[in-house]
Amino acid sequence: EALKTRLSDQLKQQKEMELHQKQIAEITEALMTKVQIELPAKVLESSLKENLDQRLQKAKDEGKNAEELAKLTEEIKVEVEKSLKRHLIIDAVAEQHHVQVTREDLESQIQMAAQRSNRKPQEIADQLQKSGQINQVVAEIREAKALEVLLDKVLGRFVANPGHGD
């Protein structure tokens, strides 16, 4: 009976998580569709160069022909533009709602990564610091929190102190 209850609770939690992820994806897609934004030319150019050079070289090394390279170039351009647009929109949402990443947010993320990888949290923290990826993790946490705040607003849920990790 206890196992049955636990399995039922796990399935319920999994379904809730799936619904939550679907809602976040829908909000993100709606923002991408409805918000018109002009991408900063220099940032776009830099992102394209960064992504194109490496991926085109890999494709050339794999023996791709000119037609395949041209198609890949277009796919990368669309992907980079979409990614940059998404980043700028969600960053604006974070700014508008004063979303902050606390030390606790970062520590919690490091703790989860440590559990998933069966490593010590300090080891994960040291690796992030050495590799310079700590800022990327902070940006990802902020983005996730901004989307949570937006979802709460869309669903009409009250949040005492939105975006501040409370």
Protein backbone atom coordinates (compact mmCIF):
# COMPACT_ATOMS: atom_id res chain seq x y z
CA GLU A 1 0.00 0.00 0.00
CA ALA A 2 2.86 2.38 0.88
CA LEU A 3 4.59 1.57 -2.40
CA LYS A 4 1.37 2.15 -4.32
CA THR A 5 0.93 5.54 -2.63
CA ARG A 6 4.53 6.51 -3.28
CA LEU A 7 4.29 5.52 -6.96
CA SER A 8 1.03 7.41 -7.30
CA ASP A 9 2.61 10.51 -5.74
CA GLN A 10 5.63 10.22 -8.04
CA LEU A 11 3.40 9.94 -11.12
CA LYS A 12 1.36 12.93 -9.99
CA GLN A 13 4.52 14.95 -9.39
CA GLN A 14 5.91 13.92 -12.79
CA LYS A 15 2.68 14.99 -14.55
CA GLU A 16 2.73 18.33 -12.71
CA MET A 17 6.33 18.87 -13.77
CA GLU A 18 5.51 18.02 -17.39
CA LEU A 19 2.59 20.48 -17.34
CA HIS A 20 4.82 23.13 -15.80
CA GLN A 21 7.49 22.64 -18.46
CA LYS A 22 4.84 22.79 -21.18
CA GLN A 23 3.50 26.07 -19.76
CA ILE A 24 7.01 27.56 -19.66
CA ALA A 25 7.59 26.48 -23.27
CA GLU A 26 4.26 27.99 -24.34
CA ILE A 27 5.03 31.31 -22.64
CA THR A 28 8.47 31.41 -24.22
CA GLU A 29 7.04 30.63 -27.66
CA ALA A 30 4.33 33.29 -27.24
CA LEU A 31 6.96 35.87 -26.30
CA MET A 32 9.11 34.90 -29.28
CA THR A 33 6.13 35.20 -31.63
CA LYS A 34 4.58 38.39 -30.31
CA VAL A 35 7.54 40.54 -29.27
CA GLN A 36 9.23 42.41 -32.06
CA ILE A 37 12.82 43.25 -31.30
CA GLU A 38 15.66 44.56 -33.37
CA LEU A 39 18.78 42.54 -32.70
CA PRO A 40 21.91 44.62 -32.09
CA ALA A 41 23.99 44.25 -35.25
CA LYS A 42 27.38 43.87 -33.56
CA VAL A 43 26.11 41.31 -31.05
CA LEU A 44 24.39 39.35 -33.81
CA GLU A 45 27.49 39.48 -36.01
CA SER A 46 29.70 38.30 -33.15
CA SER A 47 27.34 35.46 -32.22
CA LEU A 48 27.07 34.36 -35.84
CA LYS A 49 30.83 34.38 -36.34
CA GLU A 50 31.36 32.44 -33.13
CA ASN A 51 28.83 29.79 -34.11
CA LEU A 52 29.46 29.66 -37.86
CA ASP A 53 33.23 29.31 -37.89
CA GLN A 54 33.42 26.30 -35.61
CA ARG A 55 30.41 24.43 -36.99
CA LEU A 56 31.26 25.09 -40.64
CA GLN A 57 34.81 23.88 -40.10
CA LYS A 58 33.48 20.70 -38.54
CA ALA A 59 31.09 20.21 -41.47
CA LYS A 60 33.96 20.77 -43.94
CA ASP A 61 36.06 18.25 -42.06
CA GLU A 62 33.18 15.79 -42.41
CA GLY A 63 33.27 16.30 -46.17
CA LYS A 64 30.04 18.25 -46.62
CA ASN A 65 29.52 19.75 -50.06
CA ALA A 66 28.85 23.43 -50.86
CA GLU A 67 25.08 22.97 -50.93
CA GLU A 68 25.09 21.28 -47.52
CA LEU A 69 27.36 24.01 -46.14
CA ALA A 70 25.02 26.74 -47.46
CA LYS A 71 22.02 25.00 -45.88
CA LEU A 72 23.90 24.61 -42.58
CA THR A 73 24.87 28.30 -42.68
CA GLU A 74 21.22 29.33 -43.02
CA GLU A 75 20.16 26.97 -40.22
CA ILE A 76 22.85 28.39 -37.93
CA LYS A 77 21.79 31.98 -38.75
CA VAL A 78 18.16 31.23 -37.87
CA GLU A 79 19.20 29.40 -34.71
CA VAL A 80 21.52 32.19 -33.54
CA GLU A 81 18.95 34.92 -34.26
CA LYS A 82 16.25 32.99 -32.39
CA SER A 83 18.56 32.32 -29.45
CA LEU A 84 19.68 35.94 -29.23
CA LYS A 85 16.09 37.20 -29.47
CA ARG A 86 15.02 34.79 -26.73
CA HIS A 87 17.88 35.89 -24.51
CA LEU A 88 17.14 39.60 -24.95
CA ILE A 89 13.40 39.17 -24.34
CA ILE A 90 13.85 37.07 -21.21
CA ASP A 91 16.55 39.44 -19.96
CA ALA A 92 14.06 42.31 -20.37
CA VAL A 93 11.44 40.32 -18.41
CA ALA A 94 14.02 39.72 -15.67
CA GLU A 95 14.86 43.43 -15.54
CA GLN A 96 11.20 44.48 -15.52
CA HIS A 97 10.41 42.15 -12.62
CA HIS A 98 13.67 42.81 -10.74
CA VAL A 99 14.74 39.17 -10.86
CA GLN A 100 17.89 38.56 -8.85
CA VAL A 101 20.01 35.47 -8.32
CA THR A 102 20.92 34.94 -4.70
CA ARG A 103 23.85 33.06 -3.27
CA GLU A 104 21.33 30.45 -2.09
CA ASP A 105 20.04 30.03 -5.66
CA LEU A 106 23.57 29.34 -6.90
CA GLU A 107 24.39 27.03 -4.02
CA SER A 108 21.16 25.11 -4.60
CA GLN A 109 22.00 24.68 -8.29
CA ILE A 110 25.52 23.49 -7.42
CA GLN A 111 24.08 21.08 -4.84
CA MET A 112 21.69 19.59 -7.44
CA ALA A 113 24.53 19.22 -9.96
CA ALA A 114 26.65 17.51 -7.31
CA GLN A 115 23.87 15.05 -6.51
CA ARG A 116 23.27 14.25 -10.19
CA SER A 117 26.95 13.64 -10.83
CA ASN A 118 27.80 11.98 -7.50
CA ARG A 119 30.42 14.63 -6.80
CA LYS A 120 31.04 17.02 -3.94
CA PRO A 121 29.44 20.48 -4.21
CA GLN A 122 32.80 22.19 -3.62
CA GLU A 123 34.29 20.22 -6.51
CA ILE A 124 31.49 21.44 -8.81
CA ALA A 125 31.89 25.03 -7.56
CA ASP A 126 35.67 24.92 -8.12
CA GLN A 127 35.20 23.54 -11.63
CA LEU A 128 32.70 26.28 -12.51
CA GLN A 129 35.04 28.94 -11.16
CA LYS A 130 38.08 27.58 -13.03
CA SER A 131 36.25 27.17 -16.32
CA GLY A 132 34.65 30.60 -16.10
CA GLN A 133 31.18 29.07 -16.43
CA ILE A 134 29.88 30.47 -13.15
CA ASN A 135 28.43 33.52 -14.91
CA GLN A 136 26.67 31.27 -17.41
CA VAL A 137 25.07 29.30 -14.56
CA VAL A 138 23.96 32.53 -12.88
CA ALA A 139 22.45 33.70 -16.19
CA GLU A 140 20.59 30.41 -16.60
CA ILE A 141 19.22 30.62 -13.04
CA ARG A 142 18.08 34.21 -13.66
CA GLU A 143 16.40 33.20 -16.90
CA ALA A 144 14.57 30.32 -15.22
CA LYS A 145 13.44 32.57 -12.38
CA ALA A 146 12.23 35.24 -14.82
CA LEU A 147 10.15 32.65 -16.66
CA GLU A 148 8.73 31.43 -13.33
CA VAL A 149 7.73 34.98 -12.37
CA LEU A 150 6.10 35.47 -15.76
CA LEU A 151 4.24 32.16 -15.48
CA ASP A 152 2.99 33.13 -12.03
CA LYS A 153 1.69 36.42 -13.44
CA VAL A 154 0.03 34.73 -16.41
CA LEU A 155 -1.65 32.18 -14.14
CA GLY A 156 -2.66 34.90 -11.66
CA ARG A 157 -0.69 33.43 -8.79
CA PHE A 158 0.37 35.84 -6.06
CA VAL A 159 4.07 36.02 -5.35
CA ALA A 160 5.12 37.94 -2.24
CA ASN A 161 8.52 39.04 -3.54
CA PRO A 162 8.87 38.01 -7.18
CA GLY A 163 12.27 37.11 -8.50
CA HIS A 164 14.21 37.56 -5.30
CA GLY A 165 14.61 33.93 -4.31
CA ASP A 166 12.17 34.18 -1.39
